[in-house]
Amino acid sequence: MDEVARAESERGELVLRRRPDGTLELRANGVFVMDTVETSTERALATRALELHARPATVLVGGLGLGFTLRAVLEDGRVERVTVVEIEEALPGWMRDGTVPGSDLLADPRVTVTVGDVAQVLAVSAGSTYDLVLLDVDNGPGYLVHDANADLYEAAALEQARRATRPGGTVVVWSAAQAPGLGATMERVFGRWRSEAVAYDVDLQGRAETYWLYVGHV
């Protein structure tokens, strides 16, 4: 497996590798994050959230990753503005210079990229800013790549996401597994919420996985 790019930040090491079949694989501190083979769940996060809103003009995407969620958002003609918040500066850099395919996404005039912590961006955003807030910055509360991301699944951060979302909008949190504790927090913050499996028996490096969305209605 060939190394394509490497970056260091205060969170550690981010490495992009290319498998013999051409697949790109992203790892953080040696932990698998995502690849360009199984992208259905990243896309489903967007498409399912978009289905829940009649006019999703303004969207926040927490986590650029390899760009598959953003691409699915931009494919919806109702979307007028997308704010992408990515904490790892290297990822939008690699996308802009072509290391990761997707320079067309960041060149879309509807897209604004902010490098930073999505929880902090939400905390300082004006109220009722977004129709949809999509949060996919880690693997969910039970499978964290970075321990500091645990706060994103707690009531304070989710309350900031709720406050930043317009009435009638939704906050959607991606999780690699069912998370009862997250469900209880969604209940406290949103009142109206639900969890749903977004994909069953997804083949992830030879393992069958089922992924979940936690949806809070504002």
N, C-alpha and C. Protein backbone atom coordinates (compact mmCIF):
# COMPACT_ATOMS: atom_id res chain seq x y z
N MET A 1 0.84 -1.19 0.00
CA MET A 1 0.00 0.00 0.00
C MET A 1 0.88 1.24 0.00
N ASP A 2 0.63 2.16 -0.92
CA ASP A 2 1.47 3.35 -1.07
C ASP A 2 0.92 4.51 -0.25
N GLU A 3 1.82 5.23 0.37
CA GLU A 3 1.41 6.45 1.07
C GLU A 3 1.31 7.59 0.06
N VAL A 4 0.17 8.27 0.08
CA VAL A 4 -0.08 9.37 -0.85
C VAL A 4 0.23 10.71 -0.20
N ALA A 5 -0.18 10.87 1.05
CA ALA A 5 0.03 12.14 1.75
C ALA A 5 -0.02 11.89 3.24
N ARG A 6 0.64 12.79 3.97
CA ARG A 6 0.69 12.69 5.43
C ARG A 6 0.67 14.10 6.01
N ALA A 7 -0.03 14.27 7.12
CA ALA A 7 -0.06 15.57 7.79
C ALA A 7 -0.08 15.36 9.29
N GLU A 8 0.47 16.33 10.01
CA GLU A 8 0.49 16.31 11.47
C GLU A 8 -0.30 17.51 11.98
N SER A 9 -1.06 17.28 13.03
CA SER A 9 -1.77 18.38 13.70
C SER A 9 -1.74 18.11 15.19
N GLU A 10 -2.37 18.98 15.97
CA GLU A 10 -2.40 18.77 17.42
C GLU A 10 -3.17 17.52 17.79
N ARG A 11 -3.95 16.97 16.88
CA ARG A 11 -4.69 15.74 17.13
C ARG A 11 -3.89 14.50 16.76
N GLY A 12 -2.74 14.70 16.11
CA GLY A 12 -1.91 13.57 15.75
C GLY A 12 -1.66 13.51 14.26
N GLU A 13 -1.62 12.30 13.75
CA GLU A 13 -1.19 12.04 12.38
C GLU A 13 -2.36 11.65 11.49
N LEU A 14 -2.41 12.25 10.32
CA LEU A 14 -3.42 11.93 9.32
C LEU A 14 -2.67 11.40 8.09
N VAL A 15 -3.05 10.19 7.64
CA VAL A 15 -2.34 9.57 6.52
C VAL A 15 -3.34 9.13 5.46
N LEU A 16 -3.03 9.48 4.22
CA LEU A 16 -3.81 9.04 3.07
C LEU A 16 -2.99 8.01 2.32
N ARG A 17 -3.58 6.84 2.09
CA ARG A 17 -2.88 5.75 1.43
C ARG A 17 -3.66 5.27 0.21
N ARG A 18 -2.94 4.68 -0.73
CA ARG A 18 -3.58 4.12 -1.92
C ARG A 18 -3.33 2.61 -1.95
N ARG A 19 -4.42 1.84 -2.00
CA ARG A 19 -4.31 0.39 -2.09
C ARG A 19 -3.92 -0.03 -3.51
N PRO A 20 -3.48 -1.26 -3.69
CA PRO A 20 -3.10 -1.71 -5.03
C PRO A 20 -4.19 -1.56 -6.09
N ASP A 21 -5.47 -1.61 -5.66
CA ASP A 21 -6.56 -1.47 -6.63
C ASP A 21 -6.92 -0.01 -6.92
N GLY A 22 -6.18 0.94 -6.33
CA GLY A 22 -6.42 2.35 -6.56
C GLY A 22 -7.29 3.02 -5.51
N THR A 23 -7.86 2.25 -4.61
CA THR A 23 -8.70 2.82 -3.56
C THR A 23 -7.89 3.72 -2.63
N LEU A 24 -8.44 4.87 -2.29
CA LEU A 24 -7.83 5.74 -1.30
C LEU A 24 -8.38 5.39 0.08
N GLU A 25 -7.51 5.41 1.07
CA GLU A 25 -7.88 5.07 2.45
C GLU A 25 -7.32 6.14 3.37
N LEU A 26 -8.17 6.64 4.27
CA LEU A 26 -7.77 7.67 5.23
C LEU A 26 -7.67 7.06 6.61
N ARG A 27 -6.55 7.32 7.29
CA ARG A 27 -6.35 6.85 8.66
C ARG A 27 -5.91 8.02 9.54
N ALA A 28 -6.41 8.02 10.78
CA ALA A 28 -6.02 9.02 11.77
C ALA A 28 -5.36 8.30 12.93
N ASN A 29 -4.09 8.62 13.19
CA ASN A 29 -3.32 7.95 14.25
C ASN A 29 -3.39 6.43 14.10
N GLY A 30 -3.33 5.98 12.86
CA GLY A 30 -3.33 4.55 12.57
C GLY A 30 -4.68 3.89 12.52
N VAL A 31 -5.74 4.63 12.89
CA VAL A 31 -7.10 4.08 12.94
C VAL A 31 -7.80 4.36 11.61
N PHE A 32 -8.41 3.33 11.03
CA PHE A 32 -9.15 3.50 9.79
C PHE A 32 -10.30 4.48 9.99
N VAL A 33 -10.43 5.45 9.09
CA VAL A 33 -11.51 6.43 9.15
C VAL A 33 -12.51 6.19 8.02
N MET A 34 -12.02 6.14 6.78
CA MET A 34 -12.91 5.94 5.64
C MET A 34 -12.08 5.61 4.41
N ASP A 35 -12.77 5.14 3.37
CA ASP A 35 -12.09 4.92 2.10
C ASP A 35 -13.02 5.31 0.95
N THR A 36 -12.56 5.12 -0.27
CA THR A 36 -13.35 5.51 -1.44
C THR A 36 -14.08 4.33 -2.05
N VAL A 37 -14.14 3.20 -1.34
CA VAL A 37 -14.90 2.04 -1.82
C VAL A 37 -16.31 2.07 -1.26
N GLU A 38 -16.42 2.07 0.08
CA GLU A 38 -17.73 2.04 0.73
C GLU A 38 -18.09 3.46 1.14
N THR A 39 -18.88 4.12 0.31
CA THR A 39 -19.25 5.51 0.55
C THR A 39 -20.76 5.68 0.72
N SER A 40 -21.49 4.56 0.76
CA SER A 40 -22.95 4.66 0.77
C SER A 40 -23.47 5.36 2.02
N THR A 41 -22.83 5.13 3.16
CA THR A 41 -23.37 5.72 4.38
C THR A 41 -23.10 7.22 4.44
N GLU A 42 -21.94 7.66 3.93
CA GLU A 42 -21.68 9.10 3.90
C GLU A 42 -22.71 9.80 3.02
N ARG A 43 -23.04 9.19 1.90
CA ARG A 43 -24.03 9.78 1.01
C ARG A 43 -25.43 9.69 1.62
N ALA A 44 -25.72 8.57 2.28
CA ALA A 44 -27.05 8.39 2.87
C ALA A 44 -27.31 9.39 3.98
N LEU A 45 -26.27 9.80 4.71
CA LEU A 45 -26.44 10.84 5.72
C LEU A 45 -27.07 12.08 5.09
N ALA A 46 -26.57 12.45 3.91
CA ALA A 46 -27.09 13.64 3.23
C ALA A 46 -28.46 13.39 2.63
N THR A 47 -28.59 12.32 1.87
CA THR A 47 -29.84 12.11 1.13
C THR A 47 -31.01 11.91 2.07
N ARG A 48 -30.81 11.20 3.18
CA ARG A 48 -31.90 10.99 4.12
C ARG A 48 -32.29 12.30 4.80
N ALA A 49 -31.31 13.08 5.20
CA ALA A 49 -31.61 14.36 5.83
C ALA A 49 -32.34 15.28 4.86
N LEU A 50 -31.93 15.29 3.61
CA LEU A 50 -32.58 16.14 2.62
C LEU A 50 -34.02 15.71 2.36
N GLU A 51 -34.29 14.43 2.49
CA GLU A 51 -35.66 13.93 2.33
C GLU A 51 -36.59 14.48 3.41
N LEU A 52 -36.03 14.83 4.54
CA LEU A 52 -36.84 15.24 5.69
C LEU A 52 -37.22 16.72 5.67
N HIS A 53 -36.76 17.45 4.66
CA HIS A 53 -37.02 18.89 4.63
C HIS A 53 -37.57 19.29 3.27
N ALA A 54 -38.61 20.11 3.28
CA ALA A 54 -39.24 20.52 2.02
C ALA A 54 -38.38 21.51 1.26
N ARG A 55 -37.62 22.34 1.99
CA ARG A 55 -36.80 23.34 1.31
C ARG A 55 -35.48 23.53 2.07
N PRO A 56 -34.55 22.62 1.87
CA PRO A 56 -33.28 22.69 2.60
C PRO A 56 -32.30 23.65 1.91
N ALA A 57 -32.56 24.93 2.05
CA ALA A 57 -31.74 25.91 1.34
C ALA A 57 -30.34 26.04 1.91
N THR A 58 -30.21 25.93 3.23
CA THR A 58 -28.94 26.19 3.90
C THR A 58 -28.56 24.99 4.76
N VAL A 59 -27.36 24.47 4.51
CA VAL A 59 -26.92 23.23 5.15
C VAL A 59 -25.55 23.43 5.76
N LEU A 60 -25.36 22.89 6.97
CA LEU A 60 -24.03 22.79 7.56
C LEU A 60 -23.62 21.33 7.57
N VAL A 61 -22.42 21.05 7.07
CA VAL A 61 -21.86 19.71 7.09
C VAL A 61 -20.67 19.71 8.03
N GLY A 62 -20.77 18.98 9.12
CA GLY A 62 -19.68 18.85 10.06
C GLY A 62 -18.82 17.66 9.68
N GLY A 63 -17.68 17.93 9.07
CA GLY A 63 -16.76 16.89 8.63
C GLY A 63 -16.73 16.77 7.11
N LEU A 64 -15.62 17.19 6.49
CA LEU A 64 -15.47 17.06 5.04
C LEU A 64 -15.13 15.64 4.64
N GLY A 65 -14.22 15.00 5.40
CA GLY A 65 -13.79 13.65 5.04
C GLY A 65 -13.24 13.63 3.64
N LEU A 66 -13.69 12.67 2.83
CA LEU A 66 -13.28 12.57 1.43
C LEU A 66 -14.33 13.15 0.50
N GLY A 67 -15.30 13.85 1.05
CA GLY A 67 -16.19 14.67 0.25
C GLY A 67 -17.49 14.04 -0.20
N PHE A 68 -17.79 12.82 0.21
CA PHE A 68 -18.96 12.14 -0.34
C PHE A 68 -20.28 12.69 0.21
N THR A 69 -20.29 13.08 1.48
CA THR A 69 -21.50 13.71 2.01
C THR A 69 -21.73 15.05 1.33
N LEU A 70 -20.70 15.84 1.19
CA LEU A 70 -20.84 17.14 0.53
C LEU A 70 -21.33 16.97 -0.90
N ARG A 71 -20.81 16.02 -1.64
CA ARG A 71 -21.24 15.82 -3.02
C ARG A 71 -22.73 15.49 -3.08
N ALA A 72 -23.19 14.65 -2.16
CA ALA A 72 -24.61 14.28 -2.15
C ALA A 72 -25.48 15.50 -1.82
N VAL A 73 -25.01 16.36 -0.93
CA VAL A 73 -25.76 17.57 -0.61
C VAL A 73 -25.88 18.47 -1.85
N LEU A 74 -24.77 18.65 -2.56
CA LEU A 74 -24.76 19.54 -3.70
C LEU A 74 -25.56 19.02 -4.88
N GLU A 75 -25.82 17.72 -4.91
CA GLU A 75 -26.63 17.16 -5.99
C GLU A 75 -28.11 17.54 -5.87
N ASP A 76 -28.50 18.05 -4.71
CA ASP A 76 -29.88 18.49 -4.50
C ASP A 76 -30.01 19.95 -4.94
N GLY A 77 -30.79 20.17 -5.98
CA GLY A 77 -30.92 21.51 -6.53
C GLY A 77 -31.58 22.52 -5.61
N ARG A 78 -32.22 22.06 -4.54
CA ARG A 78 -32.84 22.98 -3.60
C ARG A 78 -31.83 23.67 -2.70
N VAL A 79 -30.64 23.10 -2.60
CA VAL A 79 -29.61 23.62 -1.70
C VAL A 79 -28.97 24.86 -2.30
N GLU A 80 -28.99 25.95 -1.54
CA GLU A 80 -28.44 27.23 -2.00
C GLU A 80 -27.10 27.56 -1.37
N ARG A 81 -26.86 27.04 -0.17
CA ARG A 81 -25.62 27.39 0.53
C ARG A 81 -25.23 26.25 1.46
N VAL A 82 -23.95 25.89 1.41
CA VAL A 82 -23.42 24.82 2.26
C VAL A 82 -22.18 25.33 3.00
N THR A 83 -22.21 25.22 4.29
CA THR A 83 -21.02 25.50 5.11
C THR A 83 -20.43 24.17 5.55
N VAL A 84 -19.18 23.93 5.19
CA VAL A 84 -18.47 22.71 5.59
C VAL A 84 -17.46 23.08 6.66
N VAL A 85 -17.53 22.39 7.78
CA VAL A 85 -16.59 22.63 8.88
C VAL A 85 -15.72 21.39 9.03
N GLU A 86 -14.42 21.56 8.82
CA GLU A 86 -13.47 20.45 8.91
C GLU A 86 -12.31 20.86 9.80
N ILE A 87 -12.06 20.06 10.82
CA ILE A 87 -11.03 20.43 11.79
C ILE A 87 -9.62 20.18 11.27
N GLU A 88 -9.47 19.24 10.34
CA GLU A 88 -8.15 18.92 9.81
C GLU A 88 -7.89 19.75 8.55
N GLU A 89 -7.01 20.72 8.66
CA GLU A 89 -6.73 21.63 7.54
C GLU A 89 -6.23 20.89 6.31
N ALA A 90 -5.57 19.76 6.53
CA ALA A 90 -5.00 19.01 5.41
C ALA A 90 -6.07 18.51 4.44
N LEU A 91 -7.24 18.16 4.94
CA LEU A 91 -8.25 17.54 4.07
C LEU A 91 -8.74 18.48 2.97
N PRO A 92 -9.20 19.70 3.28
CA PRO A 92 -9.55 20.59 2.17
C PRO A 92 -8.34 20.94 1.31
N GLY A 93 -7.15 20.99 1.90
CA GLY A 93 -5.95 21.25 1.12
C GLY A 93 -5.69 20.15 0.11
N TRP A 94 -5.79 18.90 0.54
CA TRP A 94 -5.60 17.78 -0.38
C TRP A 94 -6.65 17.76 -1.47
N MET A 95 -7.87 18.18 -1.13
CA MET A 95 -8.93 18.18 -2.13
C MET A 95 -8.71 19.30 -3.15
N ARG A 96 -8.27 20.44 -2.68
CA ARG A 96 -8.05 21.56 -3.59
C ARG A 96 -6.91 21.27 -4.57
N ASP A 97 -5.86 20.59 -4.10
CA ASP A 97 -4.71 20.37 -5.00
C ASP A 97 -4.82 19.08 -5.80
N GLY A 98 -5.93 18.35 -5.64
CA GLY A 98 -6.14 17.16 -6.44
C GLY A 98 -5.61 15.88 -5.84
N THR A 99 -4.98 15.96 -4.67
CA THR A 99 -4.52 14.73 -4.02
C THR A 99 -5.71 13.82 -3.73
N VAL A 100 -6.81 14.42 -3.28
CA VAL A 100 -8.09 13.74 -3.12
C VAL A 100 -9.04 14.29 -4.18
N PRO A 101 -9.70 13.44 -4.95
CA PRO A 101 -10.65 13.94 -5.95
C PRO A 101 -11.74 14.77 -5.27
N GLY A 102 -12.14 15.87 -5.94
CA GLY A 102 -13.21 16.68 -5.37
C GLY A 102 -12.97 18.17 -5.41
N SER A 103 -11.98 18.60 -6.19
CA SER A 103 -11.73 20.05 -6.26
C SER A 103 -12.95 20.79 -6.79
N ASP A 104 -13.78 20.10 -7.60
CA ASP A 104 -14.99 20.73 -8.11
C ASP A 104 -15.98 21.05 -6.99
N LEU A 105 -15.97 20.24 -5.93
CA LEU A 105 -16.87 20.48 -4.81
C LEU A 105 -16.54 21.79 -4.12
N LEU A 106 -15.27 22.00 -3.86
CA LEU A 106 -14.86 23.20 -3.13
C LEU A 106 -14.91 24.44 -4.01
N ALA A 107 -14.93 24.22 -5.33
CA ALA A 107 -15.05 25.35 -6.26
C ALA A 107 -16.50 25.76 -6.48
N ASP A 108 -17.45 24.94 -6.01
CA ASP A 108 -18.86 25.27 -6.18
C ASP A 108 -19.16 26.57 -5.41
N PRO A 109 -19.76 27.56 -6.07
CA PRO A 109 -19.98 28.84 -5.39
C PRO A 109 -20.92 28.76 -4.20
N ARG A 110 -21.63 27.67 -4.06
CA ARG A 110 -22.51 27.51 -2.91
C ARG A 110 -21.76 27.12 -1.65
N VAL A 111 -20.51 26.70 -1.80
CA VAL A 111 -19.76 26.07 -0.70
C VAL A 111 -18.80 27.05 -0.03
N THR A 112 -18.85 27.06 1.30
CA THR A 112 -17.87 27.77 2.12
C THR A 112 -17.23 26.75 3.05
N VAL A 113 -15.92 26.71 3.09
CA VAL A 113 -15.19 25.79 3.97
C VAL A 113 -14.59 26.55 5.13
N THR A 114 -14.87 26.09 6.32
CA THR A 114 -14.28 26.65 7.53
C THR A 114 -13.43 25.59 8.19
N VAL A 115 -12.17 25.90 8.45
CA VAL A 115 -11.30 24.97 9.17
C VAL A 115 -11.43 25.26 10.66
N GLY A 116 -11.94 24.27 11.39
CA GLY A 116 -12.12 24.47 12.82
C GLY A 116 -12.97 23.38 13.42
N ASP A 117 -13.23 23.51 14.70
CA ASP A 117 -14.04 22.56 15.46
C ASP A 117 -15.51 22.91 15.25
N VAL A 118 -16.29 21.95 14.76
CA VAL A 118 -17.68 22.24 14.44
C VAL A 118 -18.48 22.65 15.68
N ALA A 119 -18.13 22.11 16.84
CA ALA A 119 -18.84 22.50 18.06
C ALA A 119 -18.62 23.98 18.35
N GLN A 120 -17.40 24.46 18.15
CA GLN A 120 -17.12 25.87 18.37
C GLN A 120 -17.79 26.75 17.33
N VAL A 121 -17.82 26.28 16.08
CA VAL A 121 -18.49 27.05 15.02
C VAL A 121 -19.98 27.17 15.33
N LEU A 122 -20.59 26.09 15.76
CA LEU A 122 -22.01 26.14 16.13
C LEU A 122 -22.25 27.06 17.31
N ALA A 123 -21.31 27.04 18.25
CA ALA A 123 -21.48 27.84 19.46
C ALA A 123 -21.51 29.34 19.17
N VAL A 124 -20.79 29.76 18.13
CA VAL A 124 -20.72 31.20 17.84
C VAL A 124 -21.61 31.59 16.67
N SER A 125 -22.32 30.63 16.09
CA SER A 125 -23.18 30.95 14.96
C SER A 125 -24.45 31.64 15.44
N ALA A 126 -25.04 32.40 14.54
CA ALA A 126 -26.31 33.03 14.87
C ALA A 126 -27.40 31.99 14.98
N GLY A 127 -28.41 32.26 15.78
CA GLY A 127 -29.52 31.32 15.90
C GLY A 127 -30.31 31.20 14.61
N SER A 128 -30.93 30.05 14.41
CA SER A 128 -31.80 29.80 13.25
C SER A 128 -31.09 30.11 11.94
N THR A 129 -29.90 29.56 11.77
CA THR A 129 -29.09 29.82 10.57
C THR A 129 -29.28 28.76 9.50
N TYR A 130 -29.40 27.49 9.91
CA TYR A 130 -29.37 26.38 8.96
C TYR A 130 -30.70 25.63 8.93
N ASP A 131 -31.02 25.11 7.76
CA ASP A 131 -32.17 24.20 7.65
C ASP A 131 -31.78 22.79 8.09
N LEU A 132 -30.56 22.39 7.78
CA LEU A 132 -30.06 21.07 8.15
C LEU A 132 -28.67 21.21 8.74
N VAL A 133 -28.41 20.48 9.80
CA VAL A 133 -27.07 20.34 10.36
C VAL A 133 -26.73 18.86 10.35
N LEU A 134 -25.68 18.52 9.62
CA LEU A 134 -25.26 17.12 9.47
C LEU A 134 -23.92 16.94 10.17
N LEU A 135 -23.87 16.05 11.14
CA LEU A 135 -22.67 15.87 11.96
C LEU A 135 -22.09 14.47 11.76
N ASP A 136 -20.93 14.45 11.10
CA ASP A 136 -20.21 13.18 10.87
C ASP A 136 -18.73 13.46 11.06
N VAL A 137 -18.35 13.74 12.30
CA VAL A 137 -16.96 14.10 12.57
C VAL A 137 -16.17 12.97 13.23
N ASP A 138 -16.86 11.90 13.61
CA ASP A 138 -16.19 10.76 14.21
C ASP A 138 -17.08 9.55 13.96
N ASN A 139 -16.76 8.43 14.58
CA ASN A 139 -17.51 7.20 14.34
C ASN A 139 -18.71 7.02 15.26
N GLY A 140 -19.07 8.06 16.00
CA GLY A 140 -20.15 7.94 16.97
C GLY A 140 -19.58 7.86 18.37
N PRO A 141 -20.42 8.01 19.38
CA PRO A 141 -19.93 8.10 20.76
C PRO A 141 -19.24 6.85 21.26
N GLY A 142 -19.53 5.70 20.67
CA GLY A 142 -18.92 4.47 21.16
C GLY A 142 -17.65 4.05 20.46
N TYR A 143 -17.27 4.73 19.38
CA TYR A 143 -16.11 4.31 18.58
C TYR A 143 -15.28 5.53 18.17
N LEU A 144 -14.90 6.31 19.15
CA LEU A 144 -14.22 7.57 18.86
C LEU A 144 -12.81 7.34 18.33
N VAL A 145 -12.46 8.10 17.28
CA VAL A 145 -11.08 8.16 16.82
C VAL A 145 -10.30 9.13 17.69
N HIS A 146 -10.94 10.26 18.03
CA HIS A 146 -10.32 11.26 18.91
C HIS A 146 -11.22 11.44 20.14
N ASP A 147 -10.66 11.19 21.32
CA ASP A 147 -11.46 11.26 22.55
C ASP A 147 -12.11 12.62 22.75
N ALA A 148 -11.46 13.68 22.25
CA ALA A 148 -12.00 15.03 22.44
C ALA A 148 -13.34 15.20 21.75
N ASN A 149 -13.64 14.35 20.77
CA ASN A 149 -14.91 14.46 20.05
C ASN A 149 -16.10 13.99 20.88
N ALA A 150 -15.85 13.40 22.03
CA ALA A 150 -16.95 12.91 22.86
C ALA A 150 -17.91 14.02 23.21
N ASP A 151 -17.39 15.23 23.38
CA ASP A 151 -18.24 16.35 23.77
C ASP A 151 -19.30 16.66 22.72
N LEU A 152 -19.03 16.32 21.46
CA LEU A 152 -19.98 16.64 20.40
C LEU A 152 -21.30 15.90 20.57
N TYR A 153 -21.26 14.77 21.26
CA TYR A 153 -22.46 13.95 21.44
C TYR A 153 -23.17 14.24 22.76
N GLU A 154 -22.69 15.26 23.48
CA GLU A 154 -23.29 15.62 24.75
C GLU A 154 -24.32 16.74 24.55
N ALA A 155 -25.10 16.98 25.60
CA ALA A 155 -26.23 17.90 25.49
C ALA A 155 -25.81 19.32 25.12
N ALA A 156 -24.69 19.80 25.65
CA ALA A 156 -24.30 21.19 25.40
C ALA A 156 -24.06 21.43 23.91
N ALA A 157 -23.32 20.54 23.26
CA ALA A 157 -23.04 20.71 21.84
C ALA A 157 -24.29 20.51 20.99
N LEU A 158 -25.10 19.53 21.34
CA LEU A 158 -26.32 19.30 20.57
C LEU A 158 -27.31 20.44 20.76
N GLU A 159 -27.30 21.07 21.91
CA GLU A 159 -28.14 22.24 22.13
C GLU A 159 -27.69 23.40 21.22
N GLN A 160 -26.37 23.55 21.05
CA GLN A 160 -25.87 24.57 20.14
C GLN A 160 -26.31 24.27 18.71
N ALA A 161 -26.28 22.99 18.33
CA ALA A 161 -26.73 22.61 16.99
C ALA A 161 -28.22 22.89 16.82
N ARG A 162 -29.00 22.60 17.86
CA ARG A 162 -30.44 22.87 17.80
C ARG A 162 -30.69 24.37 17.67
N ARG A 163 -29.96 25.16 18.43
CA ARG A 163 -30.15 26.61 18.40
C ARG A 163 -29.80 27.19 17.03
N ALA A 164 -28.81 26.59 16.36
CA ALA A 164 -28.38 27.09 15.05
C ALA A 164 -29.29 26.66 13.91
N THR A 165 -30.26 25.81 14.21
CA THR A 165 -31.14 25.26 13.18
C THR A 165 -32.48 25.97 13.18
N ARG A 166 -32.97 26.28 12.00
CA ARG A 166 -34.24 26.98 11.88
C ARG A 166 -35.40 26.08 12.29
N PRO A 167 -36.50 26.66 12.78
CA PRO A 167 -37.69 25.86 13.06
C PRO A 167 -38.13 25.07 11.82
N GLY A 168 -38.46 23.82 12.04
CA GLY A 168 -38.80 22.93 10.94
C GLY A 168 -37.61 22.19 10.38
N GLY A 169 -36.40 22.54 10.84
CA GLY A 169 -35.18 21.89 10.37
C GLY A 169 -34.83 20.66 11.18
N THR A 170 -33.70 20.06 10.82
CA THR A 170 -33.27 18.84 11.51
C THR A 170 -31.77 18.87 11.75
N VAL A 171 -31.39 18.21 12.84
CA VAL A 171 -29.99 17.94 13.16
C VAL A 171 -29.81 16.43 13.06
N VAL A 172 -28.88 15.99 12.24
CA VAL A 172 -28.69 14.56 11.99
C VAL A 172 -27.27 14.17 12.38
N VAL A 173 -27.15 13.19 13.26
CA VAL A 173 -25.86 12.73 13.77
C VAL A 173 -25.63 11.31 13.30
N TRP A 174 -24.48 11.07 12.69
CA TRP A 174 -24.11 9.74 12.18
C TRP A 174 -23.42 8.94 13.28
N SER A 175 -23.72 7.65 13.36
CA SER A 175 -23.07 6.79 14.36
C SER A 175 -22.79 5.42 13.75
N ALA A 176 -21.65 4.85 14.10
CA ALA A 176 -21.26 3.55 13.59
C ALA A 176 -22.04 2.41 14.23
N ALA A 177 -22.79 2.70 15.26
CA ALA A 177 -23.57 1.66 15.95
C ALA A 177 -24.70 2.34 16.72
N GLN A 178 -25.65 1.53 17.17
CA GLN A 178 -26.69 2.08 18.03
C GLN A 178 -26.05 2.65 19.30
N ALA A 179 -26.58 3.78 19.75
CA ALA A 179 -26.00 4.48 20.89
C ALA A 179 -27.12 4.94 21.82
N PRO A 180 -27.55 4.10 22.74
CA PRO A 180 -28.67 4.46 23.63
C PRO A 180 -28.43 5.75 24.40
N GLY A 181 -27.20 5.98 24.82
CA GLY A 181 -26.92 7.21 25.55
C GLY A 181 -27.13 8.44 24.69
N LEU A 182 -26.74 8.35 23.42
CA LEU A 182 -26.98 9.46 22.51
C LEU A 182 -28.48 9.67 22.31
N GLY A 183 -29.22 8.57 22.23
CA GLY A 183 -30.67 8.68 22.10
C GLY A 183 -31.29 9.42 23.28
N ALA A 184 -30.83 9.11 24.47
CA ALA A 184 -31.36 9.77 25.66
C ALA A 184 -31.03 11.26 25.64
N THR A 185 -29.85 11.60 25.16
CA THR A 185 -29.47 13.01 25.07
C THR A 185 -30.31 13.72 24.02
N MET A 186 -30.55 13.06 22.88
CA MET A 186 -31.40 13.66 21.84
C MET A 186 -32.80 13.93 22.39
N GLU A 187 -33.29 13.02 23.22
CA GLU A 187 -34.61 13.20 23.84
C GLU A 187 -34.63 14.46 24.70
N ARG A 188 -33.58 14.67 25.49
CA ARG A 188 -33.54 15.83 26.36
C ARG A 188 -33.43 17.13 25.56
N VAL A 189 -32.64 17.11 24.51
CA VAL A 189 -32.36 18.34 23.76
C VAL A 189 -33.48 18.69 22.79
N PHE A 190 -33.99 17.68 22.07
CA PHE A 190 -34.93 17.95 20.98
C PHE A 190 -36.38 17.60 21.31
N GLY A 191 -36.58 16.65 22.19
CA GLY A 191 -37.94 16.18 22.43
C GLY A 191 -38.40 15.27 21.30
N ARG A 192 -38.55 15.82 20.11
CA ARG A 192 -38.90 15.01 18.94
C ARG A 192 -37.62 14.55 18.25
N TRP A 193 -37.42 13.25 18.25
CA TRP A 193 -36.22 12.69 17.65
C TRP A 193 -36.49 11.25 17.29
N ARG A 194 -35.60 10.66 16.53
CA ARG A 194 -35.67 9.23 16.26
C ARG A 194 -34.32 8.75 15.75
N SER A 195 -34.10 7.46 15.88
CA SER A 195 -32.92 6.85 15.28
C SER A 195 -33.38 5.89 14.20
N GLU A 196 -32.56 5.73 13.17
CA GLU A 196 -32.90 4.80 12.11
C GLU A 196 -31.62 4.25 11.49
N ALA A 197 -31.68 2.99 11.11
CA ALA A 197 -30.55 2.38 10.42
C ALA A 197 -30.47 2.95 9.01
N VAL A 198 -29.29 3.43 8.65
CA VAL A 198 -29.13 4.03 7.34
C VAL A 198 -28.60 3.02 6.33
N ALA A 199 -28.00 1.95 6.81
CA ALA A 199 -27.48 0.91 5.91
C ALA A 199 -27.29 -0.36 6.71
N TYR A 200 -27.73 -1.47 6.15
CA TYR A 200 -27.59 -2.77 6.80
C TYR A 200 -26.48 -3.58 6.14
N ASP A 201 -25.74 -4.31 6.98
CA ASP A 201 -24.75 -5.28 6.49
C ASP A 201 -23.82 -4.68 5.45
N VAL A 202 -23.32 -3.48 5.72
CA VAL A 202 -22.34 -2.87 4.84
C VAL A 202 -21.01 -3.59 4.99
N ASP A 203 -20.37 -3.92 3.88
CA ASP A 203 -19.09 -4.62 3.92
C ASP A 203 -17.98 -3.61 4.16
N LEU A 204 -17.44 -3.62 5.36
CA LEU A 204 -16.34 -2.73 5.71
C LEU A 204 -15.12 -3.58 6.00
N GLN A 205 -14.24 -3.67 5.02
CA GLN A 205 -13.01 -4.44 5.15
C GLN A 205 -13.29 -5.86 5.64
N GLY A 206 -14.31 -6.48 5.05
CA GLY A 206 -14.62 -7.87 5.35
C GLY A 206 -15.57 -8.07 6.51
N ARG A 207 -16.01 -6.98 7.17
CA ARG A 207 -16.95 -7.09 8.27
C ARG A 207 -18.30 -6.51 7.85
N ALA A 208 -19.37 -7.14 8.29
CA ALA A 208 -20.72 -6.62 8.01
C ALA A 208 -21.10 -5.64 9.10
N GLU A 209 -21.34 -4.40 8.72
CA GLU A 209 -21.65 -3.35 9.68
C GLU A 209 -22.99 -2.70 9.34
N THR A 210 -23.71 -2.25 10.37
CA THR A 210 -24.93 -1.47 10.20
C THR A 210 -24.72 -0.12 10.85
N TYR A 211 -25.05 0.95 10.11
CA TYR A 211 -24.82 2.30 10.58
C TYR A 211 -26.14 3.00 10.87
N TRP A 212 -26.07 4.01 11.74
CA TRP A 212 -27.29 4.63 12.26
C TRP A 212 -27.25 6.14 12.14
N LEU A 213 -28.43 6.70 11.98
CA LEU A 213 -28.60 8.14 12.06
C LEU A 213 -29.47 8.47 13.27
N TYR A 214 -29.09 9.52 13.99
CA TYR A 214 -29.90 10.05 15.09
C TYR A 214 -30.40 11.42 14.64
N VAL A 215 -31.69 11.55 14.53
CA VAL A 215 -32.35 12.70 13.91
C VAL A 215 -33.12 13.49 14.96
N GLY A 216 -32.73 14.75 15.13
CA GLY A 216 -33.45 15.64 16.03
C GLY A 216 -34.23 16.67 15.24
N HIS A 217 -35.51 16.83 15.55
CA HIS A 217 -36.37 17.77 14.84
C HIS A 217 -36.52 19.06 15.65
N VAL A 218 -36.35 20.18 14.96
CA VAL A 218 -36.39 21.49 15.62
C VAL A 218 -37.74 22.14 15.38
